[in-house]
């Protein structure tokens, strides 16, 4: 895949992540709800940065879907947390692909930054650390 294709995949992943984190956040309270809100904003910042990179490259950024199929029903705090972990694991794979396919050092550095961020988020939400986050 090209850098542009992988950037588009990362952007699509961030669109889906925002949707999923928004749904999950609705089932959380207290500190977890605030953490989900902060994570939602983090995904928004990444989405905006990826959009800017694609626009600067003369590409039309992929649009968000109106809704996304979630991999599980979110009915309580446990399932909400599980959804957030799944989202971050999927994004790790997407950013791993971007690291591999980046054709420019600034894009690769950004992909590494985002890969490390989603790996750290997994740990904060109860996931275990991975030696090679994003590798399947």
C-alpha atoms as a PDB file:
ATOM      1  CA  UNK A   1       0.000   0.000   0.000  1.00  0.00           C
ATOM      2  CA  UNK A   2       1.090   3.538  -0.595  1.00  0.00           C
ATOM      3  CA  UNK A   3       1.541   6.172   2.050  1.00  0.00           C
ATOM      4  CA  UNK A   4      -1.647   7.923   0.903  1.00  0.00           C
ATOM      5  CA  UNK A   5      -3.701   4.703   1.068  1.00  0.00           C
ATOM      6  CA  UNK A   6      -2.384   3.990   4.541  1.00  0.00           C
ATOM      7  CA  UNK A   7      -3.074   7.551   5.681  1.00  0.00           C
ATOM      8  CA  UNK A   8      -6.632   7.133   4.412  1.00  0.00           C
ATOM      9  CA  UNK A   9      -6.936   3.865   6.368  1.00  0.00           C
ATOM     10  CA  UNK A  10      -5.642   5.575   9.498  1.00  0.00           C
ATOM     11  CA  UNK A  11      -8.133   8.404   9.024  1.00  0.00           C
ATOM     12  CA  UNK A  12     -10.973   5.911   8.573  1.00  0.00           C
ATOM     13  CA  UNK A  13      -9.803   4.188  11.745  1.00  0.00           C
ATOM     14  CA  UNK A  14      -9.890   7.452  13.659  1.00  0.00           C
ATOM     15  CA  UNK A  15     -13.413   8.187  12.409  1.00  0.00           C
ATOM     16  CA  UNK A  16     -14.538   4.770  13.647  1.00  0.00           C
ATOM     17  CA  UNK A  17     -12.637   5.216  16.918  1.00  0.00           C
ATOM     18  CA  UNK A  18     -14.403   8.469  17.666  1.00  0.00           C
ATOM     19  CA  UNK A  19     -17.762   6.830  17.095  1.00  0.00           C
ATOM     20  CA  UNK A  20     -16.931   3.820  19.260  1.00  0.00           C
ATOM     21  CA  UNK A  21     -15.385   5.812  22.092  1.00  0.00           C
ATOM     22  CA  UNK A  22     -18.433   8.078  22.048  1.00  0.00           C
ATOM     23  CA  UNK A  23     -20.737   5.083  22.425  1.00  0.00           C
ATOM     24  CA  UNK A  24     -18.553   3.563  25.147  1.00  0.00           C
ATOM     25  CA  UNK A  25     -18.326   6.848  27.019  1.00  0.00           C
ATOM     26  CA  UNK A  26     -22.089   6.917  27.342  1.00  0.00           C
ATOM     27  CA  UNK A  27     -21.943   3.820  29.556  1.00  0.00           C
ATOM     28  CA  UNK A  28     -19.180   5.097  31.836  1.00  0.00           C
ATOM     29  CA  UNK A  29     -19.292   7.304  34.903  1.00  0.00           C
ATOM     30  CA  UNK A  30     -16.865   9.285  37.016  1.00  0.00           C
ATOM     31  CA  UNK A  31     -13.170   9.085  36.219  1.00  0.00           C
ATOM     32  CA  UNK A  32     -13.734   6.518  33.449  1.00  0.00           C
ATOM     33  CA  UNK A  33     -16.222   8.828  31.713  1.00  0.00           C
ATOM     34  CA  UNK A  34     -13.719  11.690  31.900  1.00  0.00           C
ATOM     35  CA  UNK A  35     -10.986   9.409  30.554  1.00  0.00           C
ATOM     36  CA  UNK A  36     -13.249   8.417  27.649  1.00  0.00           C
ATOM     37  CA  UNK A  37     -13.976  12.072  26.929  1.00  0.00           C
ATOM     38  CA  UNK A  38     -10.254  12.829  26.893  1.00  0.00           C
ATOM     39  CA  UNK A  39      -9.641   9.837  24.613  1.00  0.00           C
ATOM     40  CA  UNK A  40     -12.391  11.042  22.270  1.00  0.00           C
ATOM     41  CA  UNK A  41     -10.629  14.411  22.004  1.00  0.00           C
ATOM     42  CA  UNK A  42      -7.303  12.669  21.387  1.00  0.00           C
ATOM     43  CA  UNK A  43      -8.857  10.779  18.480  1.00  0.00           C
ATOM     44  CA  UNK A  44     -10.305  14.061  17.183  1.00  0.00           C
ATOM     45  CA  UNK A  45      -6.836  15.658  17.188  1.00  0.00           C
ATOM     46  CA  UNK A  46      -5.374  12.684  15.320  1.00  0.00           C
ATOM     47  CA  UNK A  47      -8.253  12.762  12.838  1.00  0.00           C
ATOM     48  CA  UNK A  48      -7.633  16.449  12.174  1.00  0.00           C
ATOM     49  CA  UNK A  49      -3.872  15.936  11.727  1.00  0.00           C
ATOM     50  CA  UNK A  50      -4.405  13.059   9.288  1.00  0.00           C
ATOM     51  CA  UNK A  51      -6.949  15.145   7.391  1.00  0.00           C
ATOM     52  CA  UNK A  52      -4.421  17.987   7.152  1.00  0.00           C
ATOM     53  CA  UNK A  53      -1.706  15.632   5.852  1.00  0.00           C
ATOM     54  CA  UNK A  54      -3.976  14.243   3.156  1.00  0.00           C
ATOM     55  CA  UNK A  55      -5.221  17.680   2.142  1.00  0.00           C
ATOM     56  CA  UNK A  56      -1.636  18.979   1.934  1.00  0.00           C
ATOM     57  CA  UNK A  57      -0.828  16.034  -0.350  1.00  0.00           C
ATOM     58  CA  UNK A  58      -3.679  17.076  -2.668  1.00  0.00           C
ATOM     59  CA  UNK A  59      -5.870  14.157  -1.641  1.00  0.00           C
ATOM     60  CA  UNK A  60      -9.519  14.158  -0.625  1.00  0.00           C
ATOM     61  CA  UNK A  61      -9.710  12.748   2.913  1.00  0.00           C
ATOM     62  CA  UNK A  62     -12.082   9.834   3.428  1.00  0.00           C
ATOM     63  CA  UNK A  63     -15.310  10.950   5.095  1.00  0.00           C
ATOM     64  CA  UNK A  64     -16.719   9.504   8.278  1.00  0.00           C
ATOM     65  CA  UNK A  65     -19.634   7.127   8.005  1.00  0.00           C
ATOM     66  CA  UNK A  66     -22.902   8.166   9.674  1.00  0.00           C
ATOM     67  CA  UNK A  67     -22.636   5.118  11.967  1.00  0.00           C
ATOM     68  CA  UNK A  68     -20.424   2.069  12.473  1.00  0.00           C
ATOM     69  CA  UNK A  69     -21.145  -1.536  13.350  1.00  0.00           C
ATOM     70  CA  UNK A  70     -19.626  -2.214  16.731  1.00  0.00           C
ATOM     71  CA  UNK A  71     -17.953  -5.577  17.421  1.00  0.00           C
ATOM     72  CA  UNK A  72     -19.966  -6.002  20.626  1.00  0.00           C
ATOM     73  CA  UNK A  73     -23.042  -4.663  22.347  1.00  0.00           C
ATOM     74  CA  UNK A  74     -22.194  -1.902  24.789  1.00  0.00           C
ATOM     75  CA  UNK A  75     -24.542  -2.299  27.734  1.00  0.00           C
ATOM     76  CA  UNK A  76     -22.440  -1.445  30.788  1.00  0.00           C
ATOM     77  CA  UNK A  77     -19.034  -0.243  31.954  1.00  0.00           C
ATOM     78  CA  UNK A  78     -17.401  -3.642  31.398  1.00  0.00           C
ATOM     79  CA  UNK A  79     -18.481  -3.888  27.762  1.00  0.00           C
ATOM     80  CA  UNK A  80     -17.643  -0.200  27.230  1.00  0.00           C
ATOM     81  CA  UNK A  81     -14.104  -0.796  28.481  1.00  0.00           C
ATOM     82  CA  UNK A  82     -13.817  -3.895  26.299  1.00  0.00           C
ATOM     83  CA  UNK A  83     -14.880  -1.874  23.258  1.00  0.00           C
ATOM     84  CA  UNK A  84     -12.277   0.796  23.954  1.00  0.00           C
ATOM     85  CA  UNK A  85      -9.565  -1.863  24.213  1.00  0.00           C
ATOM     86  CA  UNK A  86     -10.656  -3.384  20.891  1.00  0.00           C
ATOM     87  CA  UNK A  87     -10.630   0.033  19.233  1.00  0.00           C
ATOM     88  CA  UNK A  88      -7.113   0.777  20.429  1.00  0.00           C
ATOM     89  CA  UNK A  89      -5.846  -2.668  19.369  1.00  0.00           C
ATOM     90  CA  UNK A  90      -7.265  -2.169  15.882  1.00  0.00           C
ATOM     91  CA  UNK A  91      -5.689   1.261  15.661  1.00  0.00           C
ATOM     92  CA  UNK A  92      -2.330  -0.194  16.686  1.00  0.00           C
ATOM     93  CA  UNK A  93      -2.469  -2.417  13.608  1.00  0.00           C
ATOM     94  CA  UNK A  94      -3.432   0.545  11.416  1.00  0.00           C
ATOM     95  CA  UNK A  95      -0.574   2.676  12.728  1.00  0.00           C
ATOM     96  CA  UNK A  96       1.829  -0.246  12.407  1.00  0.00           C
ATOM     97  CA  UNK A  97       0.891  -0.340   8.719  1.00  0.00           C
ATOM     98  CA  UNK A  98       1.479   3.396   8.450  1.00  0.00           C
ATOM     99  CA  UNK A  99       4.939   3.049   9.993  1.00  0.00           C
ATOM    100  CA  UNK A 100       5.720   0.404   7.380  1.00  0.00           C
ATOM    101  CA  UNK A 101       4.315   2.340   4.413  1.00  0.00           C
ATOM    102  CA  UNK A 102       5.379   5.871   5.293  1.00  0.00           C
ATOM    103  CA  UNK A 103       7.454   7.373   2.498  1.00  0.00           C
ATOM    104  CA  UNK A 104       8.493  10.499   4.376  1.00  0.00           C
ATOM    105  CA  UNK A 105      10.225  10.774   7.732  1.00  0.00           C
ATOM    106  CA  UNK A 106       7.693  13.229   9.222  1.00  0.00           C
ATOM    107  CA  UNK A 107       4.825  10.835   8.414  1.00  0.00           C
ATOM    108  CA  UNK A 108       6.756   7.877   9.833  1.00  0.00           C
ATOM    109  CA  UNK A 109       7.541   9.813  13.014  1.00  0.00           C
ATOM    110  CA  UNK A 110       3.874  10.717  13.399  1.00  0.00           C
ATOM    111  CA  UNK A 111       2.851   7.089  12.837  1.00  0.00           C
ATOM    112  CA  UNK A 112       5.314   5.922  15.514  1.00  0.00           C
ATOM    113  CA  UNK A 113       4.009   8.586  17.906  1.00  0.00           C
ATOM    114  CA  UNK A 114       0.411   7.479  17.344  1.00  0.00           C
ATOM    115  CA  UNK A 115       1.326   3.779  17.582  1.00  0.00           C
ATOM    116  CA  UNK A 116       2.970   4.372  20.949  1.00  0.00           C
ATOM    117  CA  UNK A 117      -0.017   6.430  22.085  1.00  0.00           C
ATOM    118  CA  UNK A 118      -2.569   3.717  21.274  1.00  0.00           C
ATOM    119  CA  UNK A 119      -0.344   1.106  22.942  1.00  0.00           C
ATOM    120  CA  UNK A 120      -0.196   3.239  26.098  1.00  0.00           C
ATOM    121  CA  UNK A 121      -3.963   3.761  25.965  1.00  0.00           C
ATOM    122  CA  UNK A 122      -4.464   0.002  25.877  1.00  0.00           C
ATOM    123  CA  UNK A 123      -2.490  -0.349  29.093  1.00  0.00           C
ATOM    124  CA  UNK A 124      -4.399   2.517  30.758  1.00  0.00           C
ATOM    125  CA  UNK A 125      -7.686   0.783  29.923  1.00  0.00           C
ATOM    126  CA  UNK A 126      -6.605  -2.562  31.377  1.00  0.00           C
ATOM    127  CA  UNK A 127      -4.876  -4.218  28.440  1.00  0.00           C
ATOM    128  CA  UNK A 128      -1.497  -5.844  28.742  1.00  0.00           C
ATOM    129  CA  UNK A 129       1.648  -4.416  27.194  1.00  0.00           C
ATOM    130  CA  UNK A 130       2.755  -5.826  23.839  1.00  0.00           C
ATOM    131  CA  UNK A 131       6.366  -6.224  22.743  1.00  0.00           C
ATOM    132  CA  UNK A 132       5.468  -5.162  19.209  1.00  0.00           C
ATOM    133  CA  UNK A 133       2.206  -3.195  19.316  1.00  0.00           C
ATOM    134  CA  UNK A 134       0.361  -3.324  16.038  1.00  0.00           C
ATOM    135  CA  UNK A 135       1.992  -6.587  14.932  1.00  0.00           C
ATOM    136  CA  UNK A 136      -0.460  -9.390  14.398  1.00  0.00           C
END
